[in-house]
Amino acid sequence: MYCSGCGEKTVPMGASFCWNCGQSLRTTGGLGANLGSSVKADEWEKCQIVRAYVLDDIVPSLKAEITFVAEVEGPSGAYNAAKSKPFTINPSFSDPDYCPKSNDREAKASLETLITKLVQDGWEQYGEGNQWFSHLLRRKVG
């Protein structure tokens, strides 16, 4: 269940108030008013940019393919909103948990292109994740 005030996922499903902003989650209209597949106009989808990291089959110590992926979680479920053009790196020069490196020009260009596409699709940036490329975006549904 998602809060209509701040967009945060609220746990458990039957909560009366948002654990993030405190807004009431109760609806008027009886017990079954929240059931069904309709999405409220004030609900949010949230997106986080992650990276897909695939080592080369032939020379895994010298080549890896990286793709940035915009993973979405929203009222309709999870899906990928977009992904960047793949590019290659040399994994022997990087810690796999922190690659691609933030000074990699091709990685920066790929990430900027992905973010520009997401913003054009109606997403707005609202934060950052744990890694330099892990931007957080959101957009209203409906």
N, C-alpha and C. Protein backbone atom coordinates (compact mmCIF):
# COMPACT_ATOMS: atom_id res chain seq x y z
N MET A 1 0.84 -1.17 0.00
CA MET A 1 0.00 0.00 0.00
C MET A 1 0.89 1.24 0.00
N TYR A 2 0.53 2.26 -0.78
CA TYR A 2 1.30 3.48 -0.88
C TYR A 2 0.52 4.65 -0.29
N CYS A 3 1.24 5.56 0.36
CA CYS A 3 0.63 6.75 0.95
C CYS A 3 0.29 7.73 -0.16
N SER A 4 -0.92 8.28 -0.14
CA SER A 4 -1.32 9.26 -1.14
C SER A 4 -0.73 10.63 -0.84
N GLY A 5 -0.16 10.81 0.35
CA GLY A 5 0.44 12.09 0.71
C GLY A 5 1.89 12.21 0.29
N CYS A 6 2.71 11.21 0.61
CA CYS A 6 4.14 11.31 0.33
C CYS A 6 4.63 10.27 -0.67
N GLY A 7 3.82 9.28 -1.00
CA GLY A 7 4.20 8.27 -1.97
C GLY A 7 4.98 7.10 -1.41
N GLU A 8 5.30 7.12 -0.13
CA GLU A 8 6.06 6.03 0.48
C GLU A 8 5.22 4.77 0.59
N LYS A 9 5.87 3.63 0.47
CA LYS A 9 5.21 2.35 0.65
C LYS A 9 4.93 2.18 2.14
N THR A 10 3.70 1.89 2.47
CA THR A 10 3.29 1.76 3.86
C THR A 10 3.09 0.30 4.20
N VAL A 11 3.65 -0.13 5.32
CA VAL A 11 3.56 -1.51 5.74
C VAL A 11 2.98 -1.51 7.14
N PRO A 12 2.10 -2.36 7.50
CA PRO A 12 1.46 -3.41 6.72
C PRO A 12 0.33 -2.86 5.86
N MET A 13 -0.25 -3.75 5.08
CA MET A 13 -1.28 -3.36 4.13
C MET A 13 -2.45 -2.65 4.79
N GLY A 14 -2.85 -3.05 5.97
CA GLY A 14 -4.02 -2.46 6.62
C GLY A 14 -3.71 -1.30 7.54
N ALA A 15 -2.56 -0.64 7.39
CA ALA A 15 -2.19 0.47 8.28
C ALA A 15 -3.19 1.61 8.17
N SER A 16 -3.42 2.29 9.28
CA SER A 16 -4.35 3.42 9.31
C SER A 16 -3.66 4.74 8.99
N PHE A 17 -2.35 4.82 9.28
CA PHE A 17 -1.61 6.04 9.04
C PHE A 17 -0.28 5.71 8.36
N CYS A 18 0.22 6.65 7.54
CA CYS A 18 1.51 6.48 6.88
C CYS A 18 2.61 6.51 7.93
N TRP A 19 3.53 5.56 7.85
CA TRP A 19 4.64 5.49 8.80
C TRP A 19 5.70 6.54 8.49
N ASN A 20 5.62 7.16 7.31
CA ASN A 20 6.60 8.17 6.92
C ASN A 20 6.13 9.59 7.25
N CYS A 21 4.91 9.95 6.81
CA CYS A 21 4.44 11.34 6.99
C CYS A 21 3.27 11.47 7.98
N GLY A 22 2.67 10.36 8.39
CA GLY A 22 1.59 10.40 9.37
C GLY A 22 0.20 10.65 8.82
N GLN A 23 0.06 10.78 7.52
CA GLN A 23 -1.26 11.04 6.92
C GLN A 23 -2.18 9.85 7.12
N SER A 24 -3.46 10.14 7.35
CA SER A 24 -4.44 9.08 7.49
C SER A 24 -4.59 8.33 6.18
N LEU A 25 -4.65 7.01 6.26
CA LEU A 25 -4.82 6.18 5.07
C LEU A 25 -6.23 5.63 4.96
N ARG A 26 -7.08 6.02 5.89
CA ARG A 26 -8.47 5.56 5.85
C ARG A 26 -9.22 6.31 4.77
N THR A 27 -10.13 5.59 4.11
CA THR A 27 -10.95 6.20 3.08
C THR A 27 -12.38 6.25 3.54
N THR A 28 -13.12 7.17 2.97
CA THR A 28 -14.55 7.20 3.25
C THR A 28 -15.23 6.33 2.22
N GLY A 29 -16.37 5.82 2.55
CA GLY A 29 -17.10 5.00 1.60
C GLY A 29 -17.20 3.55 1.99
N GLY A 30 -16.87 3.19 3.19
CA GLY A 30 -17.09 1.81 3.62
C GLY A 30 -15.88 0.93 3.51
N LEU A 31 -16.08 -0.31 3.89
CA LEU A 31 -15.00 -1.28 4.01
C LEU A 31 -14.33 -1.60 2.69
N GLY A 32 -15.05 -1.70 1.61
CA GLY A 32 -14.47 -2.11 0.33
C GLY A 32 -14.07 -0.97 -0.56
N ALA A 33 -14.04 0.25 -0.07
CA ALA A 33 -13.77 1.41 -0.91
C ALA A 33 -12.38 1.40 -1.52
N ASN A 34 -11.41 0.78 -0.88
CA ASN A 34 -10.04 0.78 -1.39
C ASN A 34 -9.73 -0.42 -2.27
N LEU A 35 -10.65 -1.33 -2.43
CA LEU A 35 -10.40 -2.54 -3.21
C LEU A 35 -10.58 -2.27 -4.69
N GLY A 36 -10.04 -3.13 -5.50
CA GLY A 36 -10.16 -2.99 -6.94
C GLY A 36 -8.84 -2.56 -7.55
N SER A 37 -8.83 -2.38 -8.88
CA SER A 37 -7.58 -2.06 -9.55
C SER A 37 -7.45 -0.59 -9.91
N SER A 38 -8.39 0.25 -9.49
CA SER A 38 -8.29 1.66 -9.84
C SER A 38 -7.15 2.32 -9.06
N VAL A 39 -6.45 3.25 -9.71
CA VAL A 39 -5.34 3.97 -9.11
C VAL A 39 -5.79 5.38 -8.81
N LYS A 40 -5.53 5.86 -7.60
CA LYS A 40 -5.90 7.22 -7.22
C LYS A 40 -5.01 8.21 -7.95
N ALA A 41 -5.55 9.40 -8.22
CA ALA A 41 -4.81 10.42 -8.96
C ALA A 41 -3.64 10.98 -8.16
N ASP A 42 -3.63 10.82 -6.86
CA ASP A 42 -2.57 11.40 -6.05
C ASP A 42 -1.56 10.36 -5.56
N GLU A 43 -1.46 9.22 -6.24
CA GLU A 43 -0.47 8.21 -5.88
C GLU A 43 0.81 8.42 -6.70
N TRP A 44 1.92 7.95 -6.15
CA TRP A 44 3.22 8.12 -6.78
C TRP A 44 3.82 6.79 -7.22
N GLU A 45 4.56 6.85 -8.31
CA GLU A 45 5.46 5.78 -8.69
C GLU A 45 6.85 6.25 -8.27
N LYS A 46 7.68 5.34 -7.79
CA LYS A 46 9.05 5.69 -7.42
C LYS A 46 10.02 4.87 -8.26
N CYS A 47 11.12 5.51 -8.61
CA CYS A 47 12.09 4.92 -9.52
C CYS A 47 13.48 5.08 -8.94
N GLN A 48 14.29 4.04 -9.06
CA GLN A 48 15.69 4.12 -8.65
C GLN A 48 16.55 3.61 -9.80
N ILE A 49 17.61 4.35 -10.07
CA ILE A 49 18.54 3.92 -11.12
C ILE A 49 19.57 2.98 -10.50
N VAL A 50 19.66 1.80 -11.08
CA VAL A 50 20.61 0.78 -10.65
C VAL A 50 21.47 0.41 -11.87
N ARG A 51 22.47 -0.42 -11.66
CA ARG A 51 23.28 -0.84 -12.79
C ARG A 51 23.20 -2.34 -12.96
N ALA A 52 23.17 -2.75 -14.21
CA ALA A 52 23.28 -4.17 -14.56
C ALA A 52 24.73 -4.38 -14.96
N TYR A 53 25.35 -5.41 -14.40
CA TYR A 53 26.78 -5.65 -14.55
C TYR A 53 26.95 -7.07 -15.06
N VAL A 54 27.44 -7.21 -16.29
CA VAL A 54 27.59 -8.54 -16.88
C VAL A 54 29.04 -8.71 -17.34
N LEU A 55 29.72 -9.70 -16.77
CA LEU A 55 31.10 -10.00 -17.17
C LEU A 55 31.12 -10.66 -18.54
N ASP A 56 32.15 -10.37 -19.29
CA ASP A 56 32.35 -10.95 -20.61
C ASP A 56 32.53 -12.47 -20.49
N ASP A 57 31.97 -13.23 -21.42
CA ASP A 57 32.09 -14.70 -21.40
C ASP A 57 33.51 -15.18 -21.70
N ILE A 58 34.20 -14.46 -22.55
CA ILE A 58 35.51 -14.91 -22.99
C ILE A 58 36.63 -14.42 -22.06
N VAL A 59 36.61 -13.14 -21.74
CA VAL A 59 37.68 -12.56 -20.90
C VAL A 59 37.03 -11.78 -19.74
N PRO A 60 36.49 -12.47 -18.76
CA PRO A 60 35.75 -11.79 -17.69
C PRO A 60 36.60 -10.87 -16.83
N SER A 61 37.89 -11.10 -16.75
CA SER A 61 38.72 -10.23 -15.93
C SER A 61 39.07 -8.91 -16.61
N LEU A 62 38.83 -8.83 -17.93
CA LEU A 62 39.20 -7.62 -18.67
C LEU A 62 38.02 -6.84 -19.25
N LYS A 63 36.83 -7.42 -19.24
CA LYS A 63 35.73 -6.73 -19.89
C LYS A 63 34.41 -7.05 -19.20
N ALA A 64 33.64 -6.01 -18.95
CA ALA A 64 32.28 -6.16 -18.41
C ALA A 64 31.38 -5.15 -19.10
N GLU A 65 30.13 -5.53 -19.31
CA GLU A 65 29.16 -4.63 -19.91
C GLU A 65 28.27 -4.06 -18.81
N ILE A 66 28.11 -2.75 -18.82
CA ILE A 66 27.30 -2.04 -17.82
C ILE A 66 26.12 -1.40 -18.52
N THR A 67 24.96 -1.48 -17.90
CA THR A 67 23.76 -0.79 -18.34
C THR A 67 23.09 -0.19 -17.11
N PHE A 68 22.70 1.08 -17.17
CA PHE A 68 21.93 1.67 -16.10
C PHE A 68 20.46 1.38 -16.36
N VAL A 69 19.73 0.97 -15.33
CA VAL A 69 18.33 0.59 -15.46
C VAL A 69 17.49 1.39 -14.46
N ALA A 70 16.38 1.94 -14.92
CA ALA A 70 15.45 2.68 -14.07
C ALA A 70 14.37 1.71 -13.60
N GLU A 71 14.53 1.21 -12.36
CA GLU A 71 13.58 0.25 -11.79
C GLU A 71 12.49 1.01 -11.04
N VAL A 72 11.24 0.68 -11.37
CA VAL A 72 10.08 1.38 -10.82
C VAL A 72 9.28 0.47 -9.92
N GLU A 73 8.80 1.05 -8.82
CA GLU A 73 7.83 0.37 -7.97
C GLU A 73 6.69 1.36 -7.76
N GLY A 74 5.49 0.91 -8.06
CA GLY A 74 4.34 1.80 -7.94
C GLY A 74 3.08 1.04 -7.64
N PRO A 75 1.96 1.74 -7.63
CA PRO A 75 0.68 1.12 -7.31
C PRO A 75 0.31 -0.02 -8.25
N SER A 76 0.80 0.01 -9.47
CA SER A 76 0.49 -1.04 -10.45
C SER A 76 1.49 -2.18 -10.44
N GLY A 77 2.53 -2.08 -9.62
CA GLY A 77 3.53 -3.13 -9.55
C GLY A 77 4.91 -2.63 -9.95
N ALA A 78 5.84 -3.55 -10.14
CA ALA A 78 7.22 -3.21 -10.47
C ALA A 78 7.46 -3.40 -11.97
N TYR A 79 8.28 -2.51 -12.54
CA TYR A 79 8.67 -2.63 -13.95
C TYR A 79 9.91 -1.78 -14.18
N ASN A 80 10.53 -1.92 -15.34
CA ASN A 80 11.67 -1.09 -15.73
C ASN A 80 11.16 0.01 -16.65
N ALA A 81 11.40 1.27 -16.26
CA ALA A 81 10.91 2.40 -17.04
C ALA A 81 11.79 2.67 -18.26
N ALA A 82 13.09 2.48 -18.11
CA ALA A 82 14.03 2.75 -19.20
C ALA A 82 15.38 2.15 -18.84
N LYS A 83 16.25 2.07 -19.84
CA LYS A 83 17.62 1.65 -19.57
C LYS A 83 18.55 2.40 -20.50
N SER A 84 19.79 2.52 -20.08
CA SER A 84 20.79 3.25 -20.86
C SER A 84 21.35 2.36 -21.96
N LYS A 85 22.05 3.00 -22.85
CA LYS A 85 22.82 2.26 -23.85
C LYS A 85 23.95 1.56 -23.11
N PRO A 86 24.22 0.30 -23.39
CA PRO A 86 25.31 -0.41 -22.69
C PRO A 86 26.69 0.15 -23.07
N PHE A 87 27.61 0.05 -22.14
CA PHE A 87 28.99 0.43 -22.39
C PHE A 87 29.88 -0.56 -21.65
N THR A 88 31.17 -0.60 -22.01
CA THR A 88 32.06 -1.58 -21.40
C THR A 88 33.08 -0.90 -20.49
N ILE A 89 33.53 -1.67 -19.49
CA ILE A 89 34.58 -1.23 -18.58
C ILE A 89 35.56 -2.38 -18.39
N ASN A 90 36.68 -2.07 -17.81
CA ASN A 90 37.65 -3.09 -17.43
C ASN A 90 37.45 -3.35 -15.94
N PRO A 91 36.83 -4.47 -15.55
CA PRO A 91 36.53 -4.72 -14.14
C PRO A 91 37.75 -4.94 -13.26
N SER A 92 38.90 -5.21 -13.85
CA SER A 92 40.08 -5.43 -13.02
C SER A 92 40.57 -4.14 -12.38
N PHE A 93 40.11 -2.99 -12.88
CA PHE A 93 40.50 -1.70 -12.31
C PHE A 93 39.44 -1.12 -11.39
N SER A 94 38.38 -1.84 -11.13
CA SER A 94 37.27 -1.31 -10.34
C SER A 94 36.81 -2.32 -9.30
N ASP A 95 36.34 -1.81 -8.19
CA ASP A 95 35.64 -2.63 -7.21
C ASP A 95 34.24 -2.87 -7.77
N PRO A 96 33.81 -4.11 -7.95
CA PRO A 96 32.50 -4.38 -8.55
C PRO A 96 31.34 -3.68 -7.84
N ASP A 97 31.47 -3.41 -6.54
CA ASP A 97 30.39 -2.73 -5.84
C ASP A 97 30.33 -1.24 -6.15
N TYR A 98 31.41 -0.68 -6.70
CA TYR A 98 31.44 0.75 -6.95
C TYR A 98 31.76 1.09 -8.40
N CYS A 99 31.47 0.19 -9.30
CA CYS A 99 31.74 0.50 -10.68
C CYS A 99 30.42 0.59 -11.45
N PRO A 100 30.41 1.35 -12.48
CA PRO A 100 31.54 2.08 -13.01
C PRO A 100 31.95 3.23 -12.08
N LYS A 101 33.18 3.69 -12.25
CA LYS A 101 33.68 4.77 -11.41
C LYS A 101 33.00 6.09 -11.79
N SER A 102 32.89 6.97 -10.83
CA SER A 102 32.20 8.25 -11.06
C SER A 102 32.96 9.16 -12.02
N ASN A 103 34.25 8.91 -12.29
CA ASN A 103 34.99 9.74 -13.23
C ASN A 103 35.05 9.12 -14.64
N ASP A 104 34.30 8.08 -14.88
CA ASP A 104 34.24 7.44 -16.19
C ASP A 104 33.33 8.28 -17.09
N ARG A 105 33.91 8.92 -18.13
CA ARG A 105 33.13 9.82 -19.00
C ARG A 105 31.98 9.10 -19.71
N GLU A 106 32.22 7.89 -20.17
CA GLU A 106 31.16 7.16 -20.87
C GLU A 106 30.02 6.81 -19.92
N ALA A 107 30.35 6.46 -18.69
CA ALA A 107 29.32 6.16 -17.69
C ALA A 107 28.50 7.40 -17.36
N LYS A 108 29.18 8.53 -17.16
CA LYS A 108 28.47 9.78 -16.86
C LYS A 108 27.53 10.17 -18.00
N ALA A 109 28.02 10.07 -19.22
CA ALA A 109 27.19 10.44 -20.38
C ALA A 109 25.98 9.51 -20.48
N SER A 110 26.19 8.23 -20.26
CA SER A 110 25.11 7.26 -20.32
C SER A 110 24.05 7.55 -19.25
N LEU A 111 24.51 7.86 -18.05
CA LEU A 111 23.59 8.17 -16.95
C LEU A 111 22.82 9.46 -17.22
N GLU A 112 23.51 10.50 -17.69
CA GLU A 112 22.85 11.77 -17.99
C GLU A 112 21.79 11.61 -19.07
N THR A 113 22.08 10.80 -20.09
CA THR A 113 21.11 10.55 -21.16
C THR A 113 19.88 9.84 -20.60
N LEU A 114 20.08 8.87 -19.72
CA LEU A 114 18.96 8.15 -19.11
C LEU A 114 18.11 9.09 -18.25
N ILE A 115 18.74 9.90 -17.42
CA ILE A 115 18.00 10.82 -16.56
C ILE A 115 17.23 11.84 -17.40
N THR A 116 17.83 12.35 -18.45
CA THR A 116 17.13 13.29 -19.35
C THR A 116 15.89 12.65 -19.94
N LYS A 117 15.99 11.39 -20.36
CA LYS A 117 14.83 10.69 -20.92
C LYS A 117 13.73 10.54 -19.86
N LEU A 118 14.12 10.16 -18.64
CA LEU A 118 13.13 9.99 -17.57
C LEU A 118 12.43 11.31 -17.25
N VAL A 119 13.18 12.40 -17.19
CA VAL A 119 12.59 13.71 -16.90
C VAL A 119 11.62 14.09 -18.03
N GLN A 120 11.98 13.82 -19.26
CA GLN A 120 11.09 14.09 -20.39
C GLN A 120 9.81 13.25 -20.31
N ASP A 121 9.91 12.08 -19.67
CA ASP A 121 8.75 11.19 -19.49
C ASP A 121 7.93 11.56 -18.25
N GLY A 122 8.27 12.67 -17.58
CA GLY A 122 7.47 13.13 -16.45
C GLY A 122 8.01 12.80 -15.07
N TRP A 123 9.20 12.23 -14.98
CA TRP A 123 9.79 11.90 -13.69
C TRP A 123 10.50 13.12 -13.12
N GLU A 124 10.51 13.26 -11.79
CA GLU A 124 11.26 14.32 -11.13
C GLU A 124 12.23 13.69 -10.13
N GLN A 125 13.42 14.27 -10.05
CA GLN A 125 14.42 13.76 -9.11
C GLN A 125 14.10 14.25 -7.71
N TYR A 126 14.27 13.38 -6.71
CA TYR A 126 14.02 13.79 -5.34
C TYR A 126 15.08 13.30 -4.37
N GLY A 127 16.08 12.58 -4.83
CA GLY A 127 17.11 12.10 -3.91
C GLY A 127 18.15 11.25 -4.61
N GLU A 128 19.05 10.72 -3.78
CA GLU A 128 20.11 9.87 -4.28
C GLU A 128 20.18 8.60 -3.45
N GLY A 129 20.63 7.52 -4.08
CA GLY A 129 20.81 6.25 -3.40
C GLY A 129 22.21 6.14 -2.82
N ASN A 130 22.65 4.92 -2.57
CA ASN A 130 23.94 4.67 -1.94
C ASN A 130 25.13 4.81 -2.88
N GLN A 131 24.93 4.75 -4.18
CA GLN A 131 26.02 4.79 -5.14
C GLN A 131 25.90 6.07 -5.97
N TRP A 132 26.99 6.50 -6.57
CA TRP A 132 27.00 7.78 -7.28
C TRP A 132 25.98 7.84 -8.41
N PHE A 133 25.65 6.71 -9.01
CA PHE A 133 24.72 6.66 -10.14
C PHE A 133 23.28 6.38 -9.71
N SER A 134 23.06 6.12 -8.46
CA SER A 134 21.77 5.65 -7.97
C SER A 134 20.84 6.82 -7.62
N HIS A 135 20.30 7.45 -8.64
CA HIS A 135 19.38 8.57 -8.45
C HIS A 135 17.98 8.04 -8.15
N LEU A 136 17.22 8.82 -7.37
CA LEU A 136 15.84 8.48 -7.04
C LEU A 136 14.92 9.47 -7.72
N LEU A 137 13.89 8.95 -8.38
CA LEU A 137 12.93 9.78 -9.09
C LEU A 137 11.52 9.34 -8.73
N ARG A 138 10.57 10.21 -9.00
CA ARG A 138 9.16 9.86 -8.74
C ARG A 138 8.29 10.62 -9.74
N ARG A 139 7.07 10.12 -9.90
CA ARG A 139 6.06 10.84 -10.69
C ARG A 139 4.69 10.42 -10.21
N LYS A 140 3.75 11.35 -10.35
CA LYS A 140 2.38 11.06 -9.95
C LYS A 140 1.74 10.14 -10.97
N VAL A 141 0.87 9.29 -10.46
CA VAL A 141 0.15 8.36 -11.31
C VAL A 141 -1.26 8.92 -11.49
N GLY A 142 -1.76 8.83 -12.69
CA GLY A 142 -3.15 9.21 -12.93
C GLY A 142 -3.35 10.53 -13.59
